[in-house]
């Protein structure tokens, strides 16, 4: 059996962790008190009005409990507002506050620069090949598991 650090999965995990640390540092250095996950969730909600927490969870690759905690924090910190759904009182409608919208707008150039810097020196062809390989791995895991 191969050592973990000799597998492609180790490299994938290392890349993801390195990127997240790099990106978070750059956001913090610009004076914003928001995490990568919080920004992602704000973006998902802004782009998908009326989205359910279950769907947010799926898109953010987080379990339901984590999403609930993050949403609670975003509401408490005035990034999000939560209103009862007019058709189903058991559900909440989530929407960004002006502060949330403003913050998302302000961090967007930082996020774009982070992504650009992270893939510097990687060709379009290499990116496409990597994307295809990762999609195959994902499909294998979903169909064989």
Foldseek 3Di string as FASTA:
>chain_A
DDDPCPDVVVVVVVLVVVLQVVLQVLCVVVPDDAHPLLLLLQVVCAVDWPDALVVSCVVSVHDSVVSVVSVVVCVVVQQKDWAQDPVDNVGITIHGDPVNVVSSVVCVVSVVVSVCVSCPPPDPVNVVVVVVVVVVVVVCVVPVD
